[in-house]
Amino acid sequence: MNERSVSVGQSILAESASRAEEFRARMTEAGTFVVNLMSSPGSGKTSLLEATAQRLGDTYRLACLVGDIATNRDSDRLRRYMPAVQLTTGGACRLEPPLVEAGFQKLGLDQPADFLFIENVGNLVCPASFDLGEHMRIVVLAVTEGDDKPSKYPKAFRTSTACVLSKIDLLPYVPFQIDSAIADARSIRPDLEFFPLSAISGKGLDFWLNALIHYRNSRILNGCTK
């Protein structure tokens, strides 16, 4: 009797990747630039999105999907500035394409968004392995964390296009060396771009906003799917 084995893990990952690719293609066709933000808990992702929406919201249509294990607190904060839907995982340490797709439908947008932000669950391990259909993945590293985080969580930095160094207004009060963090990260991904900024003081935000617009124009307007 011939026996066949099927790797369920590989099958599930392949299906997830396929759904992510389909979602990305749909968003590209609609002119929506999808940004996946990853970080540890408390890095300032929500504050960064608030500051971003306050400055871009008058010119661009924005929307957000907010991942958390529990509560709607972050989506409640962001809904003041743009359409936002909470994706509550109920304990799971990451978002996956089916949940993102369901959340996107709940947004009920009358017109396609220019930017769709996905605020991933606070975790630098699990989310790094899952494509959510984004055009750009950004890892957020707060200066209140260790400057050796890149070497401790290499996949999060290896799979990202850029790194936001957040809360730089606190640099005088914490033992964080920006040059060391950048060198650590670029030993993992040499072309990683960096955006040191403070969502509170506004320092560095213009550079970040201009880069977002540039990324969207270069990828969406040219029809790039990834």
N, C-alpha and C. Protein backbone atom coordinates (compact mmCIF):
# COMPACT_ATOMS: atom_id res chain seq x y z
N MET A 1 0.85 -1.20 0.00
CA MET A 1 0.00 0.00 0.00
C MET A 1 0.88 1.23 0.00
N ASN A 2 0.61 2.15 -0.95
CA ASN A 2 1.38 3.39 -1.01
C ASN A 2 0.80 4.41 -0.04
N GLU A 3 1.69 5.06 0.65
CA GLU A 3 1.26 6.09 1.60
C GLU A 3 1.78 7.44 1.16
N ARG A 4 0.98 8.45 1.35
CA ARG A 4 1.39 9.82 1.05
C ARG A 4 1.27 10.66 2.30
N SER A 5 2.21 11.54 2.46
CA SER A 5 2.14 12.46 3.60
C SER A 5 1.92 13.87 3.08
N VAL A 6 1.12 14.61 3.80
CA VAL A 6 0.83 16.00 3.44
C VAL A 6 1.26 16.88 4.59
N SER A 7 2.08 17.86 4.28
CA SER A 7 2.51 18.80 5.31
C SER A 7 1.45 19.88 5.47
N VAL A 8 0.69 19.77 6.55
CA VAL A 8 -0.39 20.73 6.78
C VAL A 8 0.17 22.13 6.98
N GLY A 9 1.30 22.23 7.68
CA GLY A 9 1.91 23.53 7.93
C GLY A 9 2.26 24.25 6.65
N GLN A 10 2.88 23.54 5.71
CA GLN A 10 3.24 24.14 4.44
C GLN A 10 2.00 24.53 3.65
N SER A 11 0.96 23.70 3.70
CA SER A 11 -0.27 23.99 2.98
C SER A 11 -0.91 25.28 3.49
N ILE A 12 -0.98 25.42 4.81
CA ILE A 12 -1.58 26.61 5.42
C ILE A 12 -0.78 27.86 5.07
N LEU A 13 0.54 27.76 5.15
CA LEU A 13 1.38 28.92 4.83
C LEU A 13 1.24 29.31 3.36
N ALA A 14 1.15 28.31 2.49
CA ALA A 14 1.00 28.60 1.07
C ALA A 14 -0.33 29.30 0.79
N GLU A 15 -1.39 28.84 1.45
CA GLU A 15 -2.70 29.47 1.28
C GLU A 15 -2.67 30.91 1.80
N SER A 16 -2.02 31.11 2.95
CA SER A 16 -1.90 32.45 3.53
C SER A 16 -1.16 33.39 2.58
N ALA A 17 -0.07 32.90 2.00
CA ALA A 17 0.72 33.72 1.08
C ALA A 17 -0.08 34.07 -0.16
N SER A 18 -0.87 33.12 -0.65
CA SER A 18 -1.69 33.35 -1.83
C SER A 18 -2.75 34.41 -1.57
N ARG A 19 -3.38 34.34 -0.41
CA ARG A 19 -4.41 35.32 -0.07
C ARG A 19 -3.80 36.70 0.12
N ALA A 20 -2.62 36.74 0.68
CA ALA A 20 -1.93 38.02 0.85
C ALA A 20 -1.61 38.65 -0.50
N GLU A 21 -1.16 37.84 -1.43
CA GLU A 21 -0.83 38.34 -2.76
C GLU A 21 -2.07 38.85 -3.48
N GLU A 22 -3.17 38.15 -3.33
CA GLU A 22 -4.42 38.58 -3.95
C GLU A 22 -4.89 39.91 -3.36
N PHE A 23 -4.77 40.05 -2.04
CA PHE A 23 -5.18 41.28 -1.38
C PHE A 23 -4.31 42.45 -1.85
N ARG A 24 -3.00 42.21 -1.94
CA ARG A 24 -2.07 43.26 -2.38
C ARG A 24 -2.41 43.71 -3.82
N ALA A 25 -2.72 42.75 -4.67
CA ALA A 25 -3.07 43.09 -6.05
C ALA A 25 -4.34 43.93 -6.11
N ARG A 26 -5.32 43.57 -5.29
CA ARG A 26 -6.56 44.35 -5.24
C ARG A 26 -6.32 45.77 -4.76
N MET A 27 -5.49 45.90 -3.75
CA MET A 27 -5.19 47.22 -3.22
C MET A 27 -4.41 48.06 -4.22
N THR A 28 -3.49 47.43 -4.94
CA THR A 28 -2.72 48.15 -5.96
C THR A 28 -3.65 48.68 -7.04
N GLU A 29 -4.56 47.83 -7.48
CA GLU A 29 -5.51 48.24 -8.52
C GLU A 29 -6.39 49.39 -8.05
N ALA A 30 -6.73 49.39 -6.75
CA ALA A 30 -7.58 50.45 -6.20
C ALA A 30 -6.80 51.72 -5.89
N GLY A 31 -5.47 51.66 -5.97
CA GLY A 31 -4.65 52.82 -5.65
C GLY A 31 -4.38 52.99 -4.17
N THR A 32 -4.53 51.90 -3.42
CA THR A 32 -4.33 51.94 -1.97
C THR A 32 -2.96 51.37 -1.61
N PHE A 33 -2.17 52.18 -0.93
CA PHE A 33 -0.84 51.76 -0.49
C PHE A 33 -0.95 51.20 0.93
N VAL A 34 -0.59 49.93 1.10
CA VAL A 34 -0.78 49.24 2.38
C VAL A 34 0.53 49.20 3.15
N VAL A 35 0.50 49.69 4.38
CA VAL A 35 1.68 49.76 5.24
C VAL A 35 1.44 48.92 6.49
N ASN A 36 2.29 47.94 6.71
CA ASN A 36 2.21 47.05 7.87
C ASN A 36 3.23 47.51 8.91
N LEU A 37 2.75 47.95 10.07
CA LEU A 37 3.62 48.42 11.15
C LEU A 37 3.78 47.33 12.21
N MET A 38 5.03 46.94 12.47
CA MET A 38 5.33 45.92 13.48
C MET A 38 6.18 46.54 14.58
N SER A 39 6.03 46.04 15.80
CA SER A 39 6.87 46.51 16.90
C SER A 39 6.58 45.70 18.16
N SER A 40 7.39 45.95 19.18
CA SER A 40 7.06 45.46 20.52
C SER A 40 5.90 46.28 21.08
N PRO A 41 5.23 45.80 22.13
CA PRO A 41 4.19 46.61 22.76
C PRO A 41 4.77 47.91 23.31
N GLY A 42 4.02 49.00 23.14
CA GLY A 42 4.42 50.26 23.75
C GLY A 42 5.46 51.05 22.98
N SER A 43 5.69 50.71 21.72
CA SER A 43 6.71 51.41 20.94
C SER A 43 6.23 52.77 20.44
N GLY A 44 4.92 52.99 20.45
CA GLY A 44 4.38 54.26 19.97
C GLY A 44 3.75 54.18 18.59
N LYS A 45 3.34 52.98 18.15
CA LYS A 45 2.72 52.85 16.83
C LYS A 45 1.45 53.69 16.71
N THR A 46 0.60 53.63 17.73
CA THR A 46 -0.67 54.36 17.66
C THR A 46 -0.43 55.86 17.66
N SER A 47 0.48 56.32 18.48
CA SER A 47 0.81 57.75 18.50
C SER A 47 1.38 58.20 17.16
N LEU A 48 2.20 57.35 16.55
CA LEU A 48 2.76 57.65 15.23
C LEU A 48 1.63 57.77 14.19
N LEU A 49 0.66 56.86 14.24
CA LEU A 49 -0.45 56.92 13.29
C LEU A 49 -1.34 58.13 13.54
N GLU A 50 -1.53 58.51 14.79
CA GLU A 50 -2.29 59.72 15.09
C GLU A 50 -1.61 60.94 14.48
N ALA A 51 -0.30 61.06 14.70
CA ALA A 51 0.44 62.20 14.16
C ALA A 51 0.45 62.20 12.64
N THR A 52 0.57 61.01 12.05
CA THR A 52 0.56 60.88 10.60
C THR A 52 -0.79 61.31 10.03
N ALA A 53 -1.87 60.85 10.64
CA ALA A 53 -3.21 61.17 10.15
C ALA A 53 -3.51 62.66 10.29
N GLN A 54 -3.06 63.28 11.37
CA GLN A 54 -3.30 64.70 11.56
C GLN A 54 -2.65 65.54 10.47
N ARG A 55 -1.54 65.06 9.91
CA ARG A 55 -0.81 65.84 8.91
C ARG A 55 -1.16 65.45 7.47
N LEU A 56 -1.55 64.19 7.25
CA LEU A 56 -1.85 63.77 5.89
C LEU A 56 -3.34 63.72 5.58
N GLY A 57 -4.15 63.74 6.64
CA GLY A 57 -5.58 63.51 6.47
C GLY A 57 -6.31 64.52 5.62
N ASP A 58 -5.80 65.74 5.51
CA ASP A 58 -6.47 66.76 4.70
C ASP A 58 -6.19 66.58 3.21
N THR A 59 -5.14 65.83 2.88
CA THR A 59 -4.73 65.67 1.49
C THR A 59 -4.99 64.27 0.95
N TYR A 60 -4.89 63.28 1.83
CA TYR A 60 -5.02 61.89 1.40
C TYR A 60 -6.13 61.20 2.20
N ARG A 61 -6.74 60.21 1.59
CA ARG A 61 -7.73 59.38 2.28
C ARG A 61 -6.99 58.26 3.01
N LEU A 62 -7.20 58.19 4.32
CA LEU A 62 -6.49 57.23 5.16
C LEU A 62 -7.48 56.28 5.82
N ALA A 63 -7.01 55.08 6.12
CA ALA A 63 -7.80 54.10 6.87
C ALA A 63 -6.83 53.23 7.65
N CYS A 64 -7.34 52.57 8.68
CA CYS A 64 -6.46 51.78 9.54
C CYS A 64 -7.15 50.54 10.07
N LEU A 65 -6.39 49.45 10.11
CA LEU A 65 -6.80 48.21 10.78
C LEU A 65 -5.87 48.03 11.96
N VAL A 66 -6.44 47.84 13.14
CA VAL A 66 -5.66 47.85 14.37
C VAL A 66 -5.69 46.48 15.04
N GLY A 67 -4.54 45.83 15.14
CA GLY A 67 -4.47 44.52 15.75
C GLY A 67 -4.10 44.57 17.22
N ASP A 68 -4.87 43.87 18.04
CA ASP A 68 -4.57 43.75 19.47
C ASP A 68 -5.13 42.42 19.97
N ILE A 69 -4.56 41.94 21.05
CA ILE A 69 -5.07 40.71 21.66
C ILE A 69 -6.43 40.96 22.30
N ALA A 70 -6.61 42.15 22.87
CA ALA A 70 -7.88 42.50 23.51
C ALA A 70 -8.06 44.01 23.51
N THR A 71 -9.28 44.46 23.73
CA THR A 71 -9.75 45.85 23.82
C THR A 71 -9.79 46.55 22.46
N ASN A 72 -10.60 47.63 22.42
CA ASN A 72 -10.73 48.48 21.23
C ASN A 72 -10.07 49.84 21.45
N ARG A 73 -9.20 49.96 22.41
CA ARG A 73 -8.70 51.28 22.81
C ARG A 73 -7.94 51.99 21.70
N ASP A 74 -7.09 51.26 20.98
CA ASP A 74 -6.29 51.93 19.95
C ASP A 74 -7.15 52.35 18.76
N SER A 75 -8.08 51.52 18.36
CA SER A 75 -8.95 51.91 17.24
C SER A 75 -9.85 53.08 17.64
N ASP A 76 -10.26 53.14 18.91
CA ASP A 76 -11.06 54.27 19.38
C ASP A 76 -10.25 55.56 19.27
N ARG A 77 -8.97 55.50 19.59
CA ARG A 77 -8.11 56.68 19.47
C ARG A 77 -7.98 57.12 18.02
N LEU A 78 -7.76 56.16 17.13
CA LEU A 78 -7.49 56.49 15.74
C LEU A 78 -8.74 56.88 14.96
N ARG A 79 -9.91 56.44 15.43
CA ARG A 79 -11.14 56.73 14.71
C ARG A 79 -11.48 58.21 14.70
N ARG A 80 -10.83 58.98 15.55
CA ARG A 80 -11.02 60.44 15.53
C ARG A 80 -10.42 61.07 14.29
N TYR A 81 -9.48 60.34 13.65
CA TYR A 81 -8.73 60.92 12.53
C TYR A 81 -8.97 60.21 11.20
N MET A 82 -9.44 58.97 11.23
CA MET A 82 -9.63 58.21 9.99
C MET A 82 -10.49 56.99 10.30
N PRO A 83 -11.10 56.40 9.29
CA PRO A 83 -11.84 55.15 9.52
C PRO A 83 -10.89 54.09 10.09
N ALA A 84 -11.32 53.41 11.14
CA ALA A 84 -10.47 52.42 11.79
C ALA A 84 -11.32 51.27 12.30
N VAL A 85 -10.81 50.07 12.14
CA VAL A 85 -11.49 48.85 12.62
C VAL A 85 -10.51 48.08 13.50
N GLN A 86 -10.99 47.64 14.65
CA GLN A 86 -10.18 46.85 15.57
C GLN A 86 -10.19 45.39 15.14
N LEU A 87 -9.02 44.79 15.08
CA LEU A 87 -8.88 43.36 14.81
C LEU A 87 -8.42 42.70 16.11
N THR A 88 -9.34 42.14 16.85
CA THR A 88 -9.02 41.53 18.13
C THR A 88 -8.75 40.04 17.93
N THR A 89 -7.55 39.61 18.27
CA THR A 89 -7.14 38.24 17.98
C THR A 89 -7.56 37.24 19.04
N GLY A 90 -7.97 37.70 20.22
CA GLY A 90 -8.39 36.79 21.27
C GLY A 90 -7.28 35.94 21.83
N GLY A 91 -6.04 36.43 21.72
CA GLY A 91 -4.90 35.70 22.28
C GLY A 91 -3.82 35.39 21.27
N ALA A 92 -4.15 35.38 19.99
CA ALA A 92 -3.14 35.09 18.96
C ALA A 92 -2.13 36.23 18.89
N CYS A 93 -0.88 35.87 18.62
CA CYS A 93 0.22 36.84 18.69
C CYS A 93 0.48 37.55 17.36
N ARG A 94 -0.45 37.41 16.40
CA ARG A 94 -0.21 38.00 15.08
C ARG A 94 -1.54 38.19 14.36
N LEU A 95 -1.49 38.95 13.28
CA LEU A 95 -2.60 39.04 12.35
C LEU A 95 -2.32 38.11 11.17
N GLU A 96 -3.40 37.68 10.51
CA GLU A 96 -3.27 36.83 9.33
C GLU A 96 -4.19 37.39 8.25
N PRO A 97 -3.93 37.04 6.97
CA PRO A 97 -4.70 37.60 5.86
C PRO A 97 -6.22 37.51 5.99
N PRO A 98 -6.81 36.38 6.42
CA PRO A 98 -8.28 36.35 6.51
C PRO A 98 -8.84 37.40 7.47
N LEU A 99 -8.16 37.64 8.58
CA LEU A 99 -8.62 38.63 9.54
C LEU A 99 -8.48 40.04 8.96
N VAL A 100 -7.39 40.27 8.24
CA VAL A 100 -7.18 41.57 7.59
C VAL A 100 -8.27 41.81 6.54
N GLU A 101 -8.57 40.80 5.74
CA GLU A 101 -9.60 40.94 4.72
C GLU A 101 -10.97 41.24 5.34
N ALA A 102 -11.29 40.53 6.42
CA ALA A 102 -12.57 40.76 7.10
C ALA A 102 -12.63 42.17 7.68
N GLY A 103 -11.53 42.62 8.27
CA GLY A 103 -11.48 43.97 8.82
C GLY A 103 -11.61 45.03 7.74
N PHE A 104 -10.98 44.78 6.60
CA PHE A 104 -11.06 45.74 5.50
C PHE A 104 -12.51 45.89 5.02
N GLN A 105 -13.24 44.78 4.94
CA GLN A 105 -14.64 44.85 4.53
C GLN A 105 -15.46 45.66 5.53
N LYS A 106 -15.14 45.53 6.82
CA LYS A 106 -15.88 46.26 7.85
C LYS A 106 -15.64 47.77 7.79
N LEU A 107 -14.52 48.17 7.17
CA LEU A 107 -14.26 49.61 7.04
C LEU A 107 -15.37 50.29 6.25
N GLY A 108 -15.93 49.58 5.27
CA GLY A 108 -17.05 50.12 4.48
C GLY A 108 -16.73 51.42 3.79
N LEU A 109 -15.57 51.52 3.18
CA LEU A 109 -15.13 52.77 2.57
C LEU A 109 -15.95 53.11 1.33
N ASP A 110 -16.40 54.37 1.23
CA ASP A 110 -17.13 54.82 0.04
C ASP A 110 -16.19 54.99 -1.14
N GLN A 111 -14.96 55.41 -0.84
CA GLN A 111 -13.93 55.56 -1.87
C GLN A 111 -12.68 54.82 -1.41
N PRO A 112 -11.87 54.34 -2.35
CA PRO A 112 -10.64 53.66 -1.94
C PRO A 112 -9.73 54.58 -1.15
N ALA A 113 -9.08 54.05 -0.14
CA ALA A 113 -8.12 54.84 0.64
C ALA A 113 -6.83 54.99 -0.16
N ASP A 114 -6.14 56.10 0.06
CA ASP A 114 -4.81 56.27 -0.52
C ASP A 114 -3.78 55.48 0.29
N PHE A 115 -4.00 55.45 1.61
CA PHE A 115 -3.13 54.69 2.51
C PHE A 115 -3.99 53.83 3.42
N LEU A 116 -3.63 52.57 3.52
CA LEU A 116 -4.23 51.67 4.51
C LEU A 116 -3.12 51.22 5.44
N PHE A 117 -3.22 51.62 6.71
CA PHE A 117 -2.23 51.23 7.70
C PHE A 117 -2.74 50.02 8.46
N ILE A 118 -1.86 49.05 8.65
CA ILE A 118 -2.17 47.88 9.47
C ILE A 118 -1.27 47.95 10.70
N GLU A 119 -1.86 48.24 11.84
CA GLU A 119 -1.10 48.26 13.09
C GLU A 119 -1.12 46.84 13.65
N ASN A 120 -0.01 46.15 13.49
CA ASN A 120 0.05 44.75 13.87
C ASN A 120 0.06 44.58 15.39
N VAL A 121 -0.19 43.37 15.84
CA VAL A 121 -0.12 43.05 17.27
C VAL A 121 1.29 43.34 17.79
N GLY A 122 1.38 43.88 19.00
CA GLY A 122 2.68 44.19 19.58
C GLY A 122 3.50 42.94 19.82
N ASN A 123 4.41 42.66 18.91
CA ASN A 123 5.20 41.43 18.97
C ASN A 123 6.23 41.49 17.85
N LEU A 124 7.48 41.19 18.13
CA LEU A 124 8.51 41.22 17.10
C LEU A 124 8.86 39.83 16.57
N VAL A 125 8.12 38.81 17.01
CA VAL A 125 8.44 37.44 16.59
C VAL A 125 7.44 36.95 15.55
N CYS A 126 6.22 36.65 15.99
CA CYS A 126 5.22 36.03 15.10
C CYS A 126 4.89 36.87 13.86
N PRO A 127 4.61 38.17 13.98
CA PRO A 127 4.20 38.94 12.79
C PRO A 127 5.24 38.98 11.68
N ALA A 128 6.51 38.76 12.02
CA ALA A 128 7.57 38.84 11.01
C ALA A 128 7.47 37.72 9.98
N SER A 129 6.74 36.67 10.29
CA SER A 129 6.65 35.52 9.39
C SER A 129 5.42 35.53 8.49
N PHE A 130 4.55 36.55 8.63
CA PHE A 130 3.30 36.54 7.90
C PHE A 130 3.13 37.79 7.04
N ASP A 131 3.03 37.56 5.73
CA ASP A 131 2.70 38.61 4.77
C ASP A 131 1.21 38.88 4.88
N LEU A 132 0.84 40.15 5.06
CA LEU A 132 -0.57 40.51 5.18
C LEU A 132 -1.10 41.18 3.92
N GLY A 133 -0.31 41.16 2.85
CA GLY A 133 -0.72 41.83 1.63
C GLY A 133 -0.28 43.27 1.59
N GLU A 134 0.71 43.61 2.41
CA GLU A 134 1.22 44.98 2.44
C GLU A 134 2.15 45.27 1.27
N HIS A 135 2.28 46.54 0.94
CA HIS A 135 3.29 46.97 -0.02
C HIS A 135 4.60 47.29 0.69
N MET A 136 4.48 47.66 1.97
CA MET A 136 5.66 48.06 2.73
C MET A 136 5.51 47.61 4.17
N ARG A 137 6.57 47.02 4.70
CA ARG A 137 6.59 46.61 6.10
C ARG A 137 7.58 47.49 6.84
N ILE A 138 7.12 48.05 7.96
CA ILE A 138 7.95 48.95 8.74
C ILE A 138 8.02 48.44 10.17
N VAL A 139 9.22 48.36 10.70
CA VAL A 139 9.40 47.97 12.10
C VAL A 139 9.64 49.24 12.91
N VAL A 140 8.96 49.35 14.04
CA VAL A 140 9.08 50.52 14.91
C VAL A 140 9.87 50.12 16.14
N LEU A 141 10.93 50.87 16.42
CA LEU A 141 11.80 50.61 17.57
C LEU A 141 11.88 51.88 18.40
N ALA A 142 11.36 51.83 19.64
CA ALA A 142 11.40 52.99 20.52
C ALA A 142 12.75 53.08 21.23
N VAL A 143 13.18 54.30 21.47
CA VAL A 143 14.47 54.49 22.16
C VAL A 143 14.39 54.05 23.62
N THR A 144 13.19 53.78 24.10
CA THR A 144 13.03 53.25 25.46
C THR A 144 13.31 51.75 25.51
N GLU A 145 13.54 51.15 24.34
CA GLU A 145 13.93 49.74 24.26
C GLU A 145 15.45 49.66 24.10
N GLY A 146 15.98 48.48 24.11
CA GLY A 146 17.41 48.32 23.95
C GLY A 146 17.86 48.58 22.52
N ASP A 147 19.05 49.16 22.35
CA ASP A 147 19.54 49.41 21.00
C ASP A 147 20.09 48.14 20.35
N ASP A 148 20.04 47.02 21.10
CA ASP A 148 20.45 45.74 20.52
C ASP A 148 19.26 44.90 20.07
N LYS A 149 18.07 45.50 20.02
CA LYS A 149 16.87 44.77 19.61
C LYS A 149 17.01 44.12 18.23
N PRO A 150 17.63 44.80 17.24
CA PRO A 150 17.72 44.17 15.91
C PRO A 150 18.38 42.80 15.93
N SER A 151 19.47 42.65 16.67
CA SER A 151 20.16 41.36 16.69
C SER A 151 19.38 40.32 17.49
N LYS A 152 18.52 40.76 18.40
CA LYS A 152 17.71 39.83 19.17
C LYS A 152 16.48 39.34 18.40
N TYR A 153 15.99 40.18 17.49
CA TYR A 153 14.82 39.84 16.69
C TYR A 153 15.12 40.09 15.22
N PRO A 154 16.06 39.36 14.66
CA PRO A 154 16.57 39.68 13.32
C PRO A 154 15.54 39.59 12.20
N LYS A 155 14.60 38.65 12.29
CA LYS A 155 13.66 38.49 11.18
C LYS A 155 12.76 39.71 11.02
N ALA A 156 12.39 40.33 12.12
CA ALA A 156 11.55 41.52 12.05
C ALA A 156 12.24 42.63 11.26
N PHE A 157 13.56 42.73 11.41
CA PHE A 157 14.31 43.77 10.71
C PHE A 157 14.70 43.32 9.29
N ARG A 158 14.96 42.04 9.13
CA ARG A 158 15.34 41.53 7.81
C ARG A 158 14.18 41.63 6.82
N THR A 159 12.95 41.47 7.29
CA THR A 159 11.80 41.47 6.40
C THR A 159 11.15 42.84 6.25
N SER A 160 11.72 43.86 6.87
CA SER A 160 11.16 45.20 6.79
C SER A 160 11.93 46.07 5.79
N THR A 161 11.24 47.04 5.23
CA THR A 161 11.86 47.99 4.31
C THR A 161 12.48 49.15 5.05
N ALA A 162 11.86 49.52 6.17
CA ALA A 162 12.32 50.69 6.92
C ALA A 162 12.10 50.48 8.41
N CYS A 163 12.79 51.30 9.19
CA CYS A 163 12.67 51.27 10.65
C CYS A 163 12.42 52.68 11.17
N VAL A 164 11.34 52.83 11.91
CA VAL A 164 11.08 54.08 12.61
C VAL A 164 11.69 53.99 13.99
N LEU A 165 12.57 54.91 14.30
CA LEU A 165 13.12 55.02 15.66
C LEU A 165 12.27 56.06 16.38
N SER A 166 11.38 55.59 17.24
CA SER A 166 10.38 56.47 17.85
C SER A 166 10.81 56.98 19.22
N LYS A 167 10.10 58.02 19.66
CA LYS A 167 10.28 58.62 20.98
C LYS A 167 11.67 59.23 21.16
N ILE A 168 12.22 59.84 20.10
CA ILE A 168 13.58 60.38 20.22
C ILE A 168 13.64 61.60 21.15
N ASP A 169 12.48 62.14 21.53
CA ASP A 169 12.48 63.22 22.52
C ASP A 169 12.95 62.72 23.88
N LEU A 170 12.97 61.39 24.08
CA LEU A 170 13.41 60.82 25.35
C LEU A 170 14.89 60.42 25.36
N LEU A 171 15.59 60.66 24.27
CA LEU A 171 17.00 60.25 24.18
C LEU A 171 17.88 60.78 25.32
N PRO A 172 17.66 62.01 25.79
CA PRO A 172 18.51 62.49 26.88
C PRO A 172 18.35 61.70 28.19
N TYR A 173 17.30 60.89 28.28
CA TYR A 173 16.97 60.25 29.55
C TYR A 173 17.14 58.73 29.53
N VAL A 174 17.51 58.17 28.38
CA VAL A 174 17.63 56.71 28.29
C VAL A 174 18.98 56.33 27.68
N PRO A 175 19.51 55.16 28.03
CA PRO A 175 20.81 54.72 27.50
C PRO A 175 20.67 54.03 26.14
N PHE A 176 20.23 54.79 25.15
CA PHE A 176 20.01 54.24 23.80
C PHE A 176 20.92 54.96 22.83
N GLN A 177 21.72 54.19 22.08
CA GLN A 177 22.65 54.76 21.11
C GLN A 177 22.09 54.52 19.70
N ILE A 178 21.66 55.59 19.04
CA ILE A 178 21.08 55.47 17.71
C ILE A 178 22.05 54.84 16.73
N ASP A 179 23.30 55.30 16.74
CA ASP A 179 24.29 54.77 15.80
C ASP A 179 24.48 53.26 15.98
N SER A 180 24.45 52.83 17.23
CA SER A 180 24.62 51.41 17.52
C SER A 180 23.43 50.61 17.01
N ALA A 181 22.21 51.12 17.20
CA ALA A 181 21.01 50.43 16.74
C ALA A 181 20.99 50.32 15.22
N ILE A 182 21.38 51.40 14.55
CA ILE A 182 21.41 51.40 13.08
C ILE A 182 22.44 50.41 12.57
N ALA A 183 23.62 50.42 13.18
CA ALA A 183 24.67 49.49 12.75
C ALA A 183 24.23 48.04 12.98
N ASP A 184 23.59 47.79 14.11
CA ASP A 184 23.10 46.45 14.43
C ASP A 184 22.09 45.99 13.38
N ALA A 185 21.15 46.87 13.05
CA ALA A 185 20.10 46.52 12.09
C ALA A 185 20.67 46.34 10.68
N ARG A 186 21.61 47.19 10.31
CA ARG A 186 22.15 47.11 8.94
C ARG A 186 23.14 45.96 8.77
N SER A 187 23.56 45.35 9.88
CA SER A 187 24.33 44.13 9.75
C SER A 187 23.41 42.97 9.34
N ILE A 188 22.10 43.17 9.54
CA ILE A 188 21.09 42.19 9.18
C ILE A 188 20.49 42.50 7.81
N ARG A 189 20.17 43.77 7.60
CA ARG A 189 19.65 44.23 6.30
C ARG A 189 20.34 45.54 5.93
N PRO A 190 21.34 45.51 5.08
CA PRO A 190 22.16 46.69 4.79
C PRO A 190 21.39 47.87 4.20
N ASP A 191 20.30 47.60 3.47
CA ASP A 191 19.58 48.70 2.82
C ASP A 191 18.40 49.22 3.65
N LEU A 192 18.31 48.83 4.92
CA LEU A 192 17.21 49.28 5.77
C LEU A 192 17.26 50.80 5.95
N GLU A 193 16.12 51.46 5.69
CA GLU A 193 16.05 52.91 5.86
C GLU A 193 15.59 53.24 7.28
N PHE A 194 16.02 54.39 7.79
CA PHE A 194 15.70 54.78 9.16
C PHE A 194 15.03 56.14 9.21
N PHE A 195 14.05 56.23 10.13
CA PHE A 195 13.33 57.47 10.35
C PHE A 195 13.28 57.77 11.85
N PRO A 196 14.28 58.46 12.38
CA PRO A 196 14.24 58.86 13.79
C PRO A 196 13.21 59.99 13.95
N LEU A 197 12.28 59.84 14.88
CA LEU A 197 11.24 60.87 15.01
C LEU A 197 10.60 60.83 16.39
N SER A 198 9.85 61.87 16.65
CA SER A 198 9.03 61.93 17.86
C SER A 198 7.62 62.33 17.46
N ALA A 199 6.65 61.48 17.72
CA ALA A 199 5.26 61.81 17.41
C ALA A 199 4.74 62.90 18.33
N ILE A 200 5.38 63.08 19.48
CA ILE A 200 4.94 64.09 20.45
C ILE A 200 5.46 65.47 20.09
N SER A 201 6.77 65.58 19.87
CA SER A 201 7.36 66.89 19.56
C SER A 201 7.24 67.24 18.08
N GLY A 202 7.08 66.24 17.24
CA GLY A 202 7.01 66.48 15.80
C GLY A 202 8.35 66.42 15.10
N LYS A 203 9.42 66.28 15.84
CA LYS A 203 10.74 66.23 15.22
C LYS A 203 10.86 64.99 14.33
N GLY A 204 11.32 65.19 13.10
CA GLY A 204 11.51 64.08 12.18
C GLY A 204 10.27 63.65 11.42
N LEU A 205 9.10 64.21 11.75
CA LEU A 205 7.86 63.76 11.12
C LEU A 205 7.79 64.14 9.64
N ASP A 206 8.29 65.32 9.28
CA ASP A 206 8.22 65.72 7.87
C ASP A 206 8.98 64.75 6.98
N PHE A 207 10.13 64.31 7.42
CA PHE A 207 10.92 63.34 6.66
C PHE A 207 10.14 62.05 6.49
N TRP A 208 9.51 61.59 7.54
CA TRP A 208 8.69 60.38 7.53
C TRP A 208 7.51 60.52 6.58
N LEU A 209 6.79 61.63 6.65
CA LEU A 209 5.61 61.84 5.81
C LEU A 209 5.98 61.94 4.34
N ASN A 210 7.04 62.67 4.05
CA ASN A 210 7.49 62.78 2.66
C ASN A 210 7.91 61.43 2.10
N ALA A 211 8.52 60.61 2.95
CA ALA A 211 8.93 59.27 2.50
C ALA A 211 7.72 58.40 2.21
N LEU A 212 6.69 58.47 3.06
CA LEU A 212 5.47 57.69 2.81
C LEU A 212 4.84 58.05 1.46
N ILE A 213 4.77 59.34 1.19
CA ILE A 213 4.20 59.80 -0.08
C ILE A 213 5.05 59.31 -1.25
N HIS A 214 6.36 59.39 -1.09
CA HIS A 214 7.27 58.92 -2.14
C HIS A 214 7.10 57.42 -2.38
N TYR A 215 7.03 56.65 -1.30
CA TYR A 215 6.86 55.20 -1.45
C TYR A 215 5.56 54.89 -2.19
N ARG A 216 4.49 55.58 -1.80
CA ARG A 216 3.20 55.31 -2.47
C ARG A 216 3.28 55.67 -3.95
N ASN A 217 3.82 56.83 -4.25
CA ASN A 217 3.88 57.25 -5.65
C ASN A 217 4.73 56.30 -6.49
N SER A 218 5.84 55.85 -5.93
CA SER A 218 6.75 55.02 -6.71
C SER A 218 6.23 53.61 -6.92
N ARG A 219 5.40 53.12 -5.99
CA ARG A 219 4.92 51.74 -6.09
C ARG A 219 3.51 51.65 -6.63
N ILE A 220 2.61 52.46 -6.12
CA ILE A 220 1.21 52.38 -6.57
C ILE A 220 1.05 52.99 -7.95
N LEU A 221 1.59 54.18 -8.17
CA LEU A 221 1.40 54.83 -9.45
C LEU A 221 2.08 54.09 -10.57
N ASN A 222 3.12 53.31 -10.23
CA ASN A 222 3.81 52.51 -11.24
C ASN A 222 3.25 51.09 -11.33
N GLY A 223 2.22 50.80 -10.53
CA GLY A 223 1.57 49.50 -10.60
C GLY A 223 2.37 48.36 -10.01
N CYS A 224 3.31 48.67 -9.10
CA CYS A 224 4.09 47.59 -8.48
C CYS A 224 3.23 46.87 -7.46
N THR A 225 3.33 45.56 -7.43
CA THR A 225 2.50 44.80 -6.50
C THR A 225 3.21 44.49 -5.20
N LYS A 226 4.53 44.79 -5.13
CA LYS A 226 5.21 44.53 -3.86
C LYS A 226 6.50 45.31 -3.79
